[in-house]
Amino acid sequence: MTEASHAVPDTEEFPFRGSIVWLTPEQGGRATGPPQPRQQWPYYAATAYVPPHTAATGLASFVLRDFQPGAWRSQAQGRWLVVGNEGDQAVQQGSVVVITEGARDVAFFIIEQKTRR
């Protein structure tokens, strides 16, 4: 599946606003550093969990947008791709969403504001 074939319409609501902090390669983060969103695919889709859950107990698809390309820390918007903001994936202001690539933690998204959903 190519990036262009992924479907995350711009009209979809991104109810979470906050700060994304990418782990350095030395901290176990992405070897290539923070992702570079592209014009044809301005998102970063990965998996994530909300502590106290772990990658083994609470993983779900998560999408980020509007973050600063290549920045180790920036503002961003996020949303759960399939699940709602409930159960193991429930977040509120102050919650941390741990972004993963496989079972490896690569970033922390700190919720500063939550709209509906």
PDB file of N, CA and C in Angstrom:
ATOM      1  N   MET A   1       0.847  -1.172   0.000  1.00  0.00           N
ATOM      2  CA  MET A   1       0.000   0.000   0.000  1.00  0.00           C
ATOM      3  C   MET A   1       0.895   1.238   0.000  1.00  0.00           C
ATOM      4  N   THR A   2       0.646   2.157  -0.896  1.00  0.00           N
ATOM      5  CA  THR A   2       1.455   3.367  -0.966  1.00  0.00           C
ATOM      6  C   THR A   2       0.880   4.426  -0.051  1.00  0.00           C
ATOM      7  N   GLU A   3       1.714   5.437   0.253  1.00  0.00           N
ATOM      8  CA  GLU A   3       1.232   6.512   1.113  1.00  0.00           C
ATOM      9  C   GLU A   3       0.040   7.217   0.494  1.00  0.00           C
ATOM     10  N   ALA A   4       0.036   7.381  -0.805  1.00  0.00           N
ATOM     11  CA  ALA A   4      -1.047   8.085  -1.473  1.00  0.00           C
ATOM     12  C   ALA A   4      -2.362   7.331  -1.366  1.00  0.00           C
ATOM     13  N   SER A   5      -2.311   6.026  -1.132  1.00  0.00           N
ATOM     14  CA  SER A   5      -3.549   5.257  -1.067  1.00  0.00           C
ATOM     15  C   SER A   5      -4.139   5.199   0.340  1.00  0.00           C
ATOM     16  N   HIS A   6      -3.423   5.683   1.352  1.00  0.00           N
ATOM     17  CA  HIS A   6      -3.976   5.721   2.702  1.00  0.00           C
ATOM     18  C   HIS A   6      -5.115   6.733   2.747  1.00  0.00           C
ATOM     19  N   ALA A   7      -6.115   6.469   3.542  1.00  0.00           N
ATOM     20  CA  ALA A   7      -7.278   7.351   3.583  1.00  0.00           C
ATOM     21  C   ALA A   7      -7.448   7.974   4.962  1.00  0.00           C
ATOM     22  N   VAL A   8      -6.974   9.192   5.123  1.00  0.00           N
ATOM     23  CA  VAL A   8      -7.230   9.984   6.321  1.00  0.00           C
ATOM     24  C   VAL A   8      -7.634  11.357   5.798  1.00  0.00           C
ATOM     25  N   PRO A   9      -8.926  11.544   5.503  1.00  0.00           N
ATOM     26  CA  PRO A   9      -9.351  12.791   4.888  1.00  0.00           C
ATOM     27  C   PRO A   9      -9.070  14.001   5.775  1.00  0.00           C
ATOM     28  N   ASP A  10      -8.746  15.110   5.137  1.00  0.00           N
ATOM     29  CA  ASP A  10      -8.514  16.345   5.876  1.00  0.00           C
ATOM     30  C   ASP A  10      -9.748  16.794   6.632  1.00  0.00           C
ATOM     31  N   THR A  11     -10.893  16.341   6.215  1.00  0.00           N
ATOM     32  CA  THR A  11     -12.120  16.748   6.890  1.00  0.00           C
ATOM     33  C   THR A  11     -12.363  15.985   8.187  1.00  0.00           C
ATOM     34  N   GLU A  12     -11.603  14.895   8.414  1.00  0.00           N
ATOM     35  CA  GLU A  12     -11.745  14.142   9.658  1.00  0.00           C
ATOM     36  C   GLU A  12     -11.316  15.009  10.832  1.00  0.00           C
ATOM     37  N   GLU A  13     -12.001  14.862  11.914  1.00  0.00           N
ATOM     38  CA  GLU A  13     -11.684  15.627  13.106  1.00  0.00           C
ATOM     39  C   GLU A  13     -10.423  15.091  13.784  1.00  0.00           C
ATOM     40  N   PHE A  14      -9.556  15.976  14.146  1.00  0.00           N
ATOM     41  CA  PHE A  14      -8.383  15.659  14.953  1.00  0.00           C
ATOM     42  C   PHE A  14      -8.616  16.329  16.304  1.00  0.00           C
ATOM     43  N   PRO A  15      -9.199  15.602  17.253  1.00  0.00           N
ATOM     44  CA  PRO A  15      -9.670  16.232  18.481  1.00  0.00           C
ATOM     45  C   PRO A  15      -8.601  16.533  19.530  1.00  0.00           C
ATOM     46  N   PHE A  16      -7.373  16.074  19.325  1.00  0.00           N
ATOM     47  CA  PHE A  16      -6.337  16.274  20.334  1.00  0.00           C
ATOM     48  C   PHE A  16      -5.305  17.274  19.839  1.00  0.00           C
ATOM     49  N   ARG A  17      -5.011  18.256  20.671  1.00  0.00           N
ATOM     50  CA  ARG A  17      -3.960  19.243  20.397  1.00  0.00           C
ATOM     51  C   ARG A  17      -2.923  19.093  21.493  1.00  0.00           C
ATOM     52  N   GLY A  18      -1.656  19.195  21.120  1.00  0.00           N
ATOM     53  CA  GLY A  18      -0.635  19.066  22.146  1.00  0.00           C
ATOM     54  C   GLY A  18       0.757  19.170  21.593  1.00  0.00           C
ATOM     55  N   SER A  19       1.711  18.650  22.351  1.00  0.00           N
ATOM     56  CA  SER A  19       3.127  18.672  21.991  1.00  0.00           C
ATOM     57  C   SER A  19       3.602  17.263  21.701  1.00  0.00           C
ATOM     58  N   ILE A  20       4.357  17.135  20.617  1.00  0.00           N
ATOM     59  CA  ILE A  20       4.978  15.858  20.295  1.00  0.00           C
ATOM     60  C   ILE A  20       6.474  15.987  20.589  1.00  0.00           C
ATOM     61  N   VAL A  21       7.012  15.017  21.290  1.00  0.00           N
ATOM     62  CA  VAL A  21       8.432  14.976  21.617  1.00  0.00           C
ATOM     63  C   VAL A  21       8.971  13.654  21.078  1.00  0.00           C
ATOM     64  N   TRP A  22       9.880  13.735  20.110  1.00  0.00           N
ATOM     65  CA  TRP A  22      10.454  12.544  19.488  1.00  0.00           C
ATOM     66  C   TRP A  22      11.685  12.111  20.263  1.00  0.00           C
ATOM     67  N   LEU A  23      11.812  10.827  20.512  1.00  0.00           N
ATOM     68  CA  LEU A  23      13.004  10.294  21.165  1.00  0.00           C
ATOM     69  C   LEU A  23      14.160  10.283  20.172  1.00  0.00           C
ATOM     70  N   THR A  24      15.354  10.542  20.649  1.00  0.00           N
ATOM     71  CA  THR A  24      16.533  10.487  19.794  1.00  0.00           C
ATOM     72  C   THR A  24      16.886   9.023  19.525  1.00  0.00           C
ATOM     73  N   PRO A  25      17.696   8.757  18.515  1.00  0.00           N
ATOM     74  CA  PRO A  25      18.122   7.367  18.287  1.00  0.00           C
ATOM     75  C   PRO A  25      18.801   6.766  19.520  1.00  0.00           C
ATOM     76  N   GLU A  26      19.554   7.578  20.256  1.00  0.00           N
ATOM     77  CA  GLU A  26      20.233   7.096  21.456  1.00  0.00           C
ATOM     78  C   GLU A  26      19.243   6.718  22.556  1.00  0.00           C
ATOM     79  N   GLN A  27      18.063   7.320  22.543  1.00  0.00           N
ATOM     80  CA  GLN A  27      17.013   7.006  23.522  1.00  0.00           C
ATOM     81  C   GLN A  27      16.139   5.846  23.049  1.00  0.00           C
ATOM     82  N   GLY A  28      16.435   5.309  21.879  1.00  0.00           N
ATOM     83  CA  GLY A  28      15.655   4.209  21.334  1.00  0.00           C
ATOM     84  C   GLY A  28      14.640   4.640  20.296  1.00  0.00           C
ATOM     85  N   GLY A  29      14.652   5.936  19.922  1.00  0.00           N
ATOM     86  CA  GLY A  29      13.705   6.461  18.939  1.00  0.00           C
ATOM     87  C   GLY A  29      14.069   6.092  17.511  1.00  0.00           C
ATOM     88  N   ARG A  30      13.444   6.774  16.584  1.00  0.00           N
ATOM     89  CA  ARG A  30      13.648   6.517  15.161  1.00  0.00           C
ATOM     90  C   ARG A  30      15.098   6.774  14.760  1.00  0.00           C
ATOM     91  N   ALA A  31      15.682   5.851  14.014  1.00  0.00           N
ATOM     92  CA  ALA A  31      17.066   6.005  13.560  1.00  0.00           C
ATOM     93  C   ALA A  31      17.209   7.214  12.640  1.00  0.00           C
ATOM     94  N   THR A  32      16.154   7.559  11.916  1.00  0.00           N
ATOM     95  CA  THR A  32      16.188   8.678  10.975  1.00  0.00           C
ATOM     96  C   THR A  32      15.721   9.986  11.595  1.00  0.00           C
ATOM     97  N   GLY A  33      15.423   9.996  12.876  1.00  0.00           N
ATOM     98  CA  GLY A  33      14.962  11.212  13.532  1.00  0.00           C
ATOM     99  C   GLY A  33      13.486  11.462  13.281  1.00  0.00           C
ATOM    100  N   PRO A  34      13.004  12.655  13.640  1.00  0.00           N
ATOM    101  CA  PRO A  34      11.578  12.968  13.466  1.00  0.00           C
ATOM    102  C   PRO A  34      11.145  12.815  12.009  1.00  0.00           C
ATOM    103  N   PRO A  35       9.911  12.375  11.791  1.00  0.00           N
ATOM    104  CA  PRO A  35       9.451  12.174  10.412  1.00  0.00           C
ATOM    105  C   PRO A  35       9.290  13.483   9.652  1.00  0.00           C
ATOM    106  N   GLN A  36       9.309  13.352   8.345  1.00  0.00           N
ATOM    107  CA  GLN A  36       9.119  14.476   7.437  1.00  0.00           C
ATOM    108  C   GLN A  36       7.804  14.279   6.695  1.00  0.00           C
ATOM    109  N   PRO A  37       6.711  14.924   7.105  1.00  0.00           N
ATOM    110  CA  PRO A  37       5.458  14.756   6.360  1.00  0.00           C
ATOM    111  C   PRO A  37       5.620  15.285   4.938  1.00  0.00           C
ATOM    112  N   ARG A  38       4.906  14.665   4.027  1.00  0.00           N
ATOM    113  CA  ARG A  38       4.990  15.052   2.622  1.00  0.00           C
ATOM    114  C   ARG A  38       3.704  15.741   2.208  1.00  0.00           C
ATOM    115  N   GLN A  39       3.775  16.524   1.159  1.00  0.00           N
ATOM    116  CA  GLN A  39       2.590  17.250   0.697  1.00  0.00           C
ATOM    117  C   GLN A  39       1.454  16.279   0.356  1.00  0.00           C
ATOM    118  N   GLN A  40       1.766  15.165  -0.301  1.00  0.00           N
ATOM    119  CA  GLN A  40       0.724  14.208  -0.679  1.00  0.00           C
ATOM    120  C   GLN A  40       0.280  13.343   0.497  1.00  0.00           C
ATOM    121  N   TRP A  41       1.025  13.339   1.591  1.00  0.00           N
ATOM    122  CA  TRP A  41       0.664  12.556   2.780  1.00  0.00           C
ATOM    123  C   TRP A  41       1.179  13.330   4.000  1.00  0.00           C
ATOM    124  N   PRO A  42       0.424  14.348   4.447  1.00  0.00           N
ATOM    125  CA  PRO A  42       0.907  15.224   5.523  1.00  0.00           C
ATOM    126  C   PRO A  42       0.654  14.672   6.923  1.00  0.00           C
ATOM    127  N   TYR A  43       0.709  13.375   7.057  1.00  0.00           N
ATOM    128  CA  TYR A  43       0.410  12.721   8.333  1.00  0.00           C
ATOM    129  C   TYR A  43       1.554  11.797   8.740  1.00  0.00           C
ATOM    130  N   TYR A  44       1.542  11.422  10.007  1.00  0.00           N
ATOM    131  CA  TYR A  44       2.404  10.352  10.496  1.00  0.00           C
ATOM    132  C   TYR A  44       1.467   9.359  11.167  1.00  0.00           C
ATOM    133  N   ALA A  45       1.316   8.187  10.580  1.00  0.00           N
ATOM    134  CA  ALA A  45       0.447   7.144  11.122  1.00  0.00           C
ATOM    135  C   ALA A  45       1.307   6.068  11.757  1.00  0.00           C
ATOM    136  N   ALA A  46       0.954   5.706  12.966  1.00  0.00           N
ATOM    137  CA  ALA A  46       1.716   4.702  13.699  1.00  0.00           C
ATOM    138  C   ALA A  46       0.770   4.003  14.672  1.00  0.00           C
ATOM    139  N   THR A  47       1.332   3.336  15.626  1.00  0.00           N
ATOM    140  CA  THR A  47       0.544   2.764  16.707  1.00  0.00           C
ATOM    141  C   THR A  47       0.908   3.505  17.983  1.00  0.00           C
ATOM    142  N   ALA A  48       0.035   3.387  18.986  1.00  0.00           N
ATOM    143  CA  ALA A  48       0.265   4.119  20.225  1.00  0.00           C
ATOM    144  C   ALA A  48      -0.501   3.463  21.359  1.00  0.00           C
ATOM    145  N   TYR A  49      -0.125   3.844  22.572  1.00  0.00           N
ATOM    146  CA  TYR A  49      -0.848   3.395  23.764  1.00  0.00           C
ATOM    147  C   TYR A  49      -0.831   4.506  24.804  1.00  0.00           C
ATOM    148  N   VAL A  50      -1.732   4.373  25.775  1.00  0.00           N
ATOM    149  CA  VAL A  50      -1.833   5.336  26.861  1.00  0.00           C
ATOM    150  C   VAL A  50      -1.425   4.633  28.157  1.00  0.00           C
ATOM    151  N   PRO A  51      -0.349   5.103  28.817  1.00  0.00           N
ATOM    152  CA  PRO A  51       0.021   4.505  30.104  1.00  0.00           C
ATOM    153  C   PRO A  51      -1.133   4.624  31.104  1.00  0.00           C
ATOM    154  N   PRO A  52      -1.344   3.653  31.980  1.00  0.00           N
ATOM    155  CA  PRO A  52      -0.401   2.624  32.378  1.00  0.00           C
ATOM    156  C   PRO A  52      -0.387   1.402  31.465  1.00  0.00           C
ATOM    157  N   HIS A  53      -1.146   1.445  30.359  1.00  0.00           N
ATOM    158  CA  HIS A  53      -1.085   0.335  29.403  1.00  0.00           C
ATOM    159  C   HIS A  53       0.283   0.332  28.733  1.00  0.00           C
ATOM    160  N   THR A  54       0.548  -0.721  27.993  1.00  0.00           N
ATOM    161  CA  THR A  54       1.815  -0.869  27.291  1.00  0.00           C
ATOM    162  C   THR A  54       1.538  -1.220  25.836  1.00  0.00           C
ATOM    163  N   ALA A  55       2.596  -1.349  25.059  1.00  0.00           N
ATOM    164  CA  ALA A  55       2.433  -1.782  23.671  1.00  0.00           C
ATOM    165  C   ALA A  55       1.798  -3.169  23.612  1.00  0.00           C
ATOM    166  N   ALA A  56       1.989  -3.964  24.647  1.00  0.00           N
ATOM    167  CA  ALA A  56       1.419  -5.312  24.677  1.00  0.00           C
ATOM    168  C   ALA A  56      -0.041  -5.327  25.116  1.00  0.00           C
ATOM    169  N   THR A  57      -0.490  -4.278  25.821  1.00  0.00           N
ATOM    170  CA  THR A  57      -1.840  -4.334  26.402  1.00  0.00           C
ATOM    171  C   THR A  57      -2.812  -3.271  25.904  1.00  0.00           C
ATOM    172  N   GLY A  58      -2.346  -2.228  25.191  1.00  0.00           N
ATOM    173  CA  GLY A  58      -3.270  -1.159  24.819  1.00  0.00           C
ATOM    174  C   GLY A  58      -2.979  -0.497  23.499  1.00  0.00           C
ATOM    175  N   LEU A  59      -2.371  -1.209  22.571  1.00  0.00           N
ATOM    176  CA  LEU A  59      -1.942  -0.631  21.299  1.00  0.00           C
ATOM    177  C   LEU A  59      -3.118  -0.402  20.354  1.00  0.00           C
ATOM    178  N   ALA A  60      -3.125   0.763  19.695  1.00  0.00           N
ATOM    179  CA  ALA A  60      -4.132   1.090  18.684  1.00  0.00           C
ATOM    180  C   ALA A  60      -3.508   2.049  17.675  1.00  0.00           C
ATOM    181  N   SER A  61      -4.109   2.161  16.503  1.00  0.00           N
ATOM    182  CA  SER A  61      -3.596   3.053  15.455  1.00  0.00           C
ATOM    183  C   SER A  61      -3.833   4.507  15.834  1.00  0.00           C
ATOM    184  N   PHE A  62      -2.827   5.354  15.606  1.00  0.00           N
ATOM    185  CA  PHE A  62      -2.885   6.772  15.960  1.00  0.00           C
ATOM    186  C   PHE A  62      -2.286   7.565  14.816  1.00  0.00           C
ATOM    187  N   VAL A  63      -2.841   8.750  14.546  1.00  0.00           N
ATOM    188  CA  VAL A  63      -2.380   9.589  13.451  1.00  0.00           C
ATOM    189  C   VAL A  63      -2.064  10.985  13.985  1.00  0.00           C
ATOM    190  N   LEU A  64      -0.930  11.535  13.538  1.00  0.00           N
ATOM    191  CA  LEU A  64      -0.527  12.901  13.871  1.00  0.00           C
ATOM    192  C   LEU A  64      -0.513  13.749  12.610  1.00  0.00           C
ATOM    193  N   ARG A  65      -0.778  15.040  12.769  1.00  0.00           N
ATOM    194  CA  ARG A  65      -0.632  15.983  11.663  1.00  0.00           C
ATOM    195  C   ARG A  65      -0.244  17.349  12.229  1.00  0.00           C
ATOM    196  N   ASP A  66       0.127  18.238  11.336  1.00  0.00           N
ATOM    197  CA  ASP A  66       0.462  19.623  11.674  1.00  0.00           C
ATOM    198  C   ASP A  66       1.602  19.747  12.674  1.00  0.00           C
ATOM    199  N   PHE A  67       2.567  18.832  12.597  1.00  0.00           N
ATOM    200  CA  PHE A  67       3.766  18.961  13.423  1.00  0.00           C
ATOM    201  C   PHE A  67       4.879  19.550  12.561  1.00  0.00           C
ATOM    202  N   GLN A  68       5.868  20.136  13.197  1.00  0.00           N
ATOM    203  CA  GLN A  68       6.961  20.771  12.475  1.00  0.00           C
ATOM    204  C   GLN A  68       7.903  19.707  11.930  1.00  0.00           C
ATOM    205  N   PRO A  69       8.077  19.631  10.617  1.00  0.00           N
ATOM    206  CA  PRO A  69       8.944  18.616  10.019  1.00  0.00           C
ATOM    207  C   PRO A  69      10.369  18.668  10.574  1.00  0.00           C
ATOM    208  N   GLY A  70      10.866  17.519  11.010  1.00  0.00           N
ATOM    209  CA  GLY A  70      12.239  17.416  11.465  1.00  0.00           C
ATOM    210  C   GLY A  70      12.507  17.943  12.866  1.00  0.00           C
ATOM    211  N   ALA A  71      11.517  18.547  13.517  1.00  0.00           N
ATOM    212  CA  ALA A  71      11.722  19.113  14.856  1.00  0.00           C
ATOM    213  C   ALA A  71      11.596  18.018  15.912  1.00  0.00           C
ATOM    214  N   TRP A  72      12.474  18.050  16.889  1.00  0.00           N
ATOM    215  CA  TRP A  72      12.432  17.063  17.966  1.00  0.00           C
ATOM    216  C   TRP A  72      11.247  17.308  18.890  1.00  0.00           C
ATOM    217  N   ARG A  73      10.769  18.554  18.939  1.00  0.00           N
ATOM    218  CA  ARG A  73       9.591  18.892  19.745  1.00  0.00           C
ATOM    219  C   ARG A  73       8.810  19.963  18.994  1.00  0.00           C
ATOM    220  N   SER A  74       7.495  19.771  18.889  1.00  0.00           N
ATOM    221  CA  SER A  74       6.653  20.782  18.247  1.00  0.00           C
ATOM    222  C   SER A  74       5.203  20.557  18.643  1.00  0.00           C
ATOM    223  N   GLN A  75       4.372  21.492  18.300  1.00  0.00           N
ATOM    224  CA  GLN A  75       2.942  21.338  18.478  1.00  0.00           C
ATOM    225  C   GLN A  75       2.434  20.380  17.397  1.00  0.00           C
ATOM    226  N   ALA A  76       1.329  19.690  17.677  1.00  0.00           N
ATOM    227  CA  ALA A  76       0.766  18.744  16.712  1.00  0.00           C
ATOM    228  C   ALA A  76      -0.703  18.519  17.040  1.00  0.00           C
ATOM    229  N   GLN A  77      -1.378  17.880  16.124  1.00  0.00           N
ATOM    230  CA  GLN A  77      -2.746  17.417  16.327  1.00  0.00           C
ATOM    231  C   GLN A  77      -2.746  15.904  16.182  1.00  0.00           C
ATOM    232  N   GLY A  78      -3.617  15.233  16.929  1.00  0.00           N
ATOM    233  CA  GLY A  78      -3.653  13.783  16.854  1.00  0.00           C
ATOM    234  C   GLY A  78      -5.055  13.228  16.967  1.00  0.00           C
ATOM    235  N   ARG A  79      -5.182  11.959  16.590  1.00  0.00           N
ATOM    236  CA  ARG A  79      -6.462  11.253  16.713  1.00  0.00           C
ATOM    237  C   ARG A  79      -6.216   9.751  16.660  1.00  0.00           C
ATOM    238  N   TRP A  80      -7.114   9.019  17.321  1.00  0.00           N
ATOM    239  CA  TRP A  80      -7.134   7.569  17.155  1.00  0.00           C
ATOM    240  C   TRP A  80      -7.731   7.315  15.788  1.00  0.00           C
ATOM    241  N   LEU A  81      -7.178   6.377  15.047  1.00  0.00           N
ATOM    242  CA  LEU A  81      -7.646   6.131  13.693  1.00  0.00           C
ATOM    243  C   LEU A  81      -8.946   5.340  13.664  1.00  0.00           C
ATOM    244  N   VAL A  82      -9.054   4.298  14.469  1.00  0.00           N
ATOM    245  CA  VAL A  82     -10.228   3.429  14.419  1.00  0.00           C
ATOM    246  C   VAL A  82     -11.028   3.482  15.713  1.00  0.00           C
ATOM    247  N   VAL A  83     -10.346   3.357  16.831  1.00  0.00           N
ATOM    248  CA  VAL A  83     -11.051   3.324  18.112  1.00  0.00           C
ATOM    249  C   VAL A  83     -11.451   4.729  18.535  1.00  0.00           C
ATOM    250  N   GLY A  84     -12.416   4.810  19.431  1.00  0.00           N
ATOM    251  CA  GLY A  84     -12.815   6.096  19.986  1.00  0.00           C
ATOM    252  C   GLY A  84     -11.961   6.438  21.194  1.00  0.00           C
ATOM    253  N   ASN A  85     -12.219   7.603  21.739  1.00  0.00           N
ATOM    254  CA  ASN A  85     -11.510   8.055  22.945  1.00  0.00           C
ATOM    255  C   ASN A  85     -12.198   7.445  24.159  1.00  0.00           C
ATOM    256  N   GLU A  86     -11.981   6.148  24.334  1.00  0.00           N
ATOM    257  CA  GLU A  86     -12.642   5.423  25.418  1.00  0.00           C
ATOM    258  C   GLU A  86     -11.836   4.184  25.779  1.00  0.00           C
ATOM    259  N   GLY A  87     -12.157   3.595  26.897  1.00  0.00           N
ATOM    260  CA  GLY A  87     -11.492   2.368  27.320  1.00  0.00           C
ATOM    261  C   GLY A  87      -9.999   2.561  27.473  1.00  0.00           C
ATOM    262  N   ASP A  88      -9.228   1.618  26.949  1.00  0.00           N
ATOM    263  CA  ASP A  88      -7.770   1.664  27.061  1.00  0.00           C
ATOM    264  C   ASP A  88      -7.168   2.892  26.375  1.00  0.00           C
ATOM    265  N   GLN A  89      -7.880   3.489  25.418  1.00  0.00           N
ATOM    266  CA  GLN A  89      -7.365   4.631  24.673  1.00  0.00           C
ATOM    267  C   GLN A  89      -7.960   5.967  25.128  1.00  0.00           C
ATOM    268  N   ALA A  90      -8.627   6.000  26.264  1.00  0.00           N
ATOM    269  CA  ALA A  90      -9.218   7.249  26.757  1.00  0.00           C
ATOM    270  C   ALA A  90      -8.122   8.222  27.183  1.00  0.00           C
ATOM    271  N   VAL A  91      -8.206   9.455  26.676  1.00  0.00           N
ATOM    272  CA  VAL A  91      -7.265  10.503  27.059  1.00  0.00           C
ATOM    273  C   VAL A  91      -8.031  11.755  27.455  1.00  0.00           C
ATOM    274  N   GLN A  92      -7.355  12.602  28.196  1.00  0.00           N
ATOM    275  CA  GLN A  92      -7.887  13.899  28.597  1.00  0.00           C
ATOM    276  C   GLN A  92      -6.720  14.873  28.637  1.00  0.00           C
ATOM    277  N   GLN A  93      -6.996  16.129  28.936  1.00  0.00           N
ATOM    278  CA  GLN A  93      -5.925  17.101  29.043  1.00  0.00           C
ATOM    279  C   GLN A  93      -4.890  16.605  30.050  1.00  0.00           C
ATOM    280  N   GLY A  94      -3.622  16.628  29.662  1.00  0.00           N
ATOM    281  CA  GLY A  94      -2.536  16.151  30.517  1.00  0.00           C
ATOM    282  C   GLY A  94      -2.122  14.713  30.259  1.00  0.00           C
ATOM    283  N   SER A  95      -2.930  13.953  29.522  1.00  0.00           N
ATOM    284  CA  SER A  95      -2.576  12.567  29.210  1.00  0.00           C
ATOM    285  C   SER A  95      -1.370  12.520  28.273  1.00  0.00           C
ATOM    286  N   VAL A  96      -0.637  11.419  28.341  1.00  0.00           N
ATOM    287  CA  VAL A  96       0.479  11.159  27.439  1.00  0.00           C
ATOM    288  C   VAL A  96       0.113   9.966  26.571  1.00  0.00           C
ATOM    289  N   VAL A  97       0.276  10.137  25.265  1.00  0.00           N
ATOM    290  CA  VAL A  97       0.096   9.045  24.311  1.00  0.00           C
ATOM    291  C   VAL A  97       1.496   8.660  23.860  1.00  0.00           C
ATOM    292  N   VAL A  98       1.856   7.408  24.062  1.00  0.00           N
ATOM    293  CA  VAL A  98       3.184   6.932  23.671  1.00  0.00           C
ATOM    294  C   VAL A  98       3.089   6.405  22.239  1.00  0.00           C
ATOM    295  N   ILE A  99       3.818   7.047  21.327  1.00  0.00           N
ATOM    296  CA  ILE A  99       3.820   6.665  19.917  1.00  0.00           C
ATOM    297  C   ILE A  99       4.864   5.573  19.726  1.00  0.00           C
ATOM    298  N   THR A 100       4.485   4.523  18.998  1.00  0.00           N
ATOM    299  CA  THR A 100       5.386   3.391  18.800  1.00  0.00           C
ATOM    300  C   THR A 100       5.566   3.071  17.323  1.00  0.00           C
ATOM    301  N   GLU A 101       6.652   2.414  17.051  1.00  0.00           N
ATOM    302  CA  GLU A 101       6.865   1.750  15.762  1.00  0.00           C
ATOM    303  C   GLU A 101       7.134   0.310  16.135  1.00  0.00           C
ATOM    304  N   GLY A 102       6.159  -0.533  15.923  1.00  0.00           N
ATOM    305  CA  GLY A 102       6.221  -1.888  16.455  1.00  0.00           C
ATOM    306  C   GLY A 102       6.100  -1.798  17.961  1.00  0.00           C
ATOM    307  N   ALA A 103       6.956  -2.498  18.675  1.00  0.00           N
ATOM    308  CA  ALA A 103       6.932  -2.450  20.136  1.00  0.00           C
ATOM    309  C   ALA A 103       7.869  -1.384  20.693  1.00  0.00           C
ATOM    310  N   ARG A 104       8.518  -0.621  19.824  1.00  0.00           N
ATOM    311  CA  ARG A 104       9.506   0.385  20.245  1.00  0.00           C
ATOM    312  C   ARG A 104       8.858   1.757  20.403  1.00  0.00           C
ATOM    313  N   ASP A 105       9.014   2.375  21.576  1.00  0.00           N
ATOM    314  CA  ASP A 105       8.528   3.731  21.815  1.00  0.00           C
ATOM    315  C   ASP A 105       9.404   4.702  21.035  1.00  0.00           C
ATOM    316  N   VAL A 106       8.768   5.612  20.262  1.00  0.00           N
ATOM    317  CA  VAL A 106       9.544   6.571  19.478  1.00  0.00           C
ATOM    318  C   VAL A 106       9.216   8.024  19.794  1.00  0.00           C
ATOM    319  N   ALA A 107       8.072   8.273  20.469  1.00  0.00           N
ATOM    320  CA  ALA A 107       7.704   9.659  20.773  1.00  0.00           C
ATOM    321  C   ALA A 107       6.644   9.684  21.868  1.00  0.00           C
ATOM    322  N   PHE A 108       6.503  10.865  22.461  1.00  0.00           N
ATOM    323  CA  PHE A 108       5.453  11.114  23.442  1.00  0.00           C
ATOM    324  C   PHE A 108       4.619  12.282  22.951  1.00  0.00           C
ATOM    325  N   PHE A 109       3.306  12.091  22.895  1.00  0.00           N
ATOM    326  CA  PHE A 109       2.374  13.150  22.523  1.00  0.00           C
ATOM    327  C   PHE A 109       1.617  13.539  23.788  1.00  0.00           C
ATOM    328  N   ILE A 110       1.823  14.766  24.251  1.00  0.00           N
ATOM    329  CA  ILE A 110       1.200  15.239  25.481  1.00  0.00           C
ATOM    330  C   ILE A 110      -0.053  16.035  25.111  1.00  0.00           C
ATOM    331  N   ILE A 111      -1.204  15.580  25.585  1.00  0.00           N
ATOM    332  CA  ILE A 111      -2.480  16.219  25.267  1.00  0.00           C
ATOM    333  C   ILE A 111      -2.610  17.514  26.070  1.00  0.00           C
ATOM    334  N   GLU A 112      -2.734  18.631  25.354  1.00  0.00           N
ATOM    335  CA  GLU A 112      -2.921  19.926  26.008  1.00  0.00           C
ATOM    336  C   GLU A 112      -4.364  20.398  25.894  1.00  0.00           C
ATOM    337  N   GLN A 113      -5.055  19.927  24.870  1.00  0.00           N
ATOM    338  CA  GLN A 113      -6.452  20.315  24.663  1.00  0.00           C
ATOM    339  C   GLN A 113      -7.161  19.170  23.957  1.00  0.00           C
ATOM    340  N   LYS A 114      -8.393  18.933  24.371  1.00  0.00           N
ATOM    341  CA  LYS A 114      -9.203  17.889  23.747  1.00  0.00           C
ATOM    342  C   LYS A 114     -10.547  18.491  23.377  1.00  0.00           C
ATOM    343  N   THR A 115     -10.921  18.354  22.101  1.00  0.00           N
ATOM    344  CA  THR A 115     -12.251  18.758  21.683  1.00  0.00           C
ATOM    345  C   THR A 115     -13.132  17.528  21.718  1.00  0.00           C
ATOM    346  N   ARG A 116     -14.332  17.612  21.217  1.00  0.00           N
ATOM    347  CA  ARG A 116     -15.244  16.457  21.206  1.00  0.00           C
ATOM    348  C   ARG A 116     -14.545  15.150  20.940  1.00  0.00           C
ATOM    349  N   ARG A 117     -15.319  14.121  20.880  1.00  0.00           N
ATOM    350  CA  ARG A 117     -14.918  12.774  20.504  1.00  0.00           C
ATOM    351  C   ARG A 117     -14.307  12.065  21.651  1.00  0.00           C
TER     352      ARG A 117
END
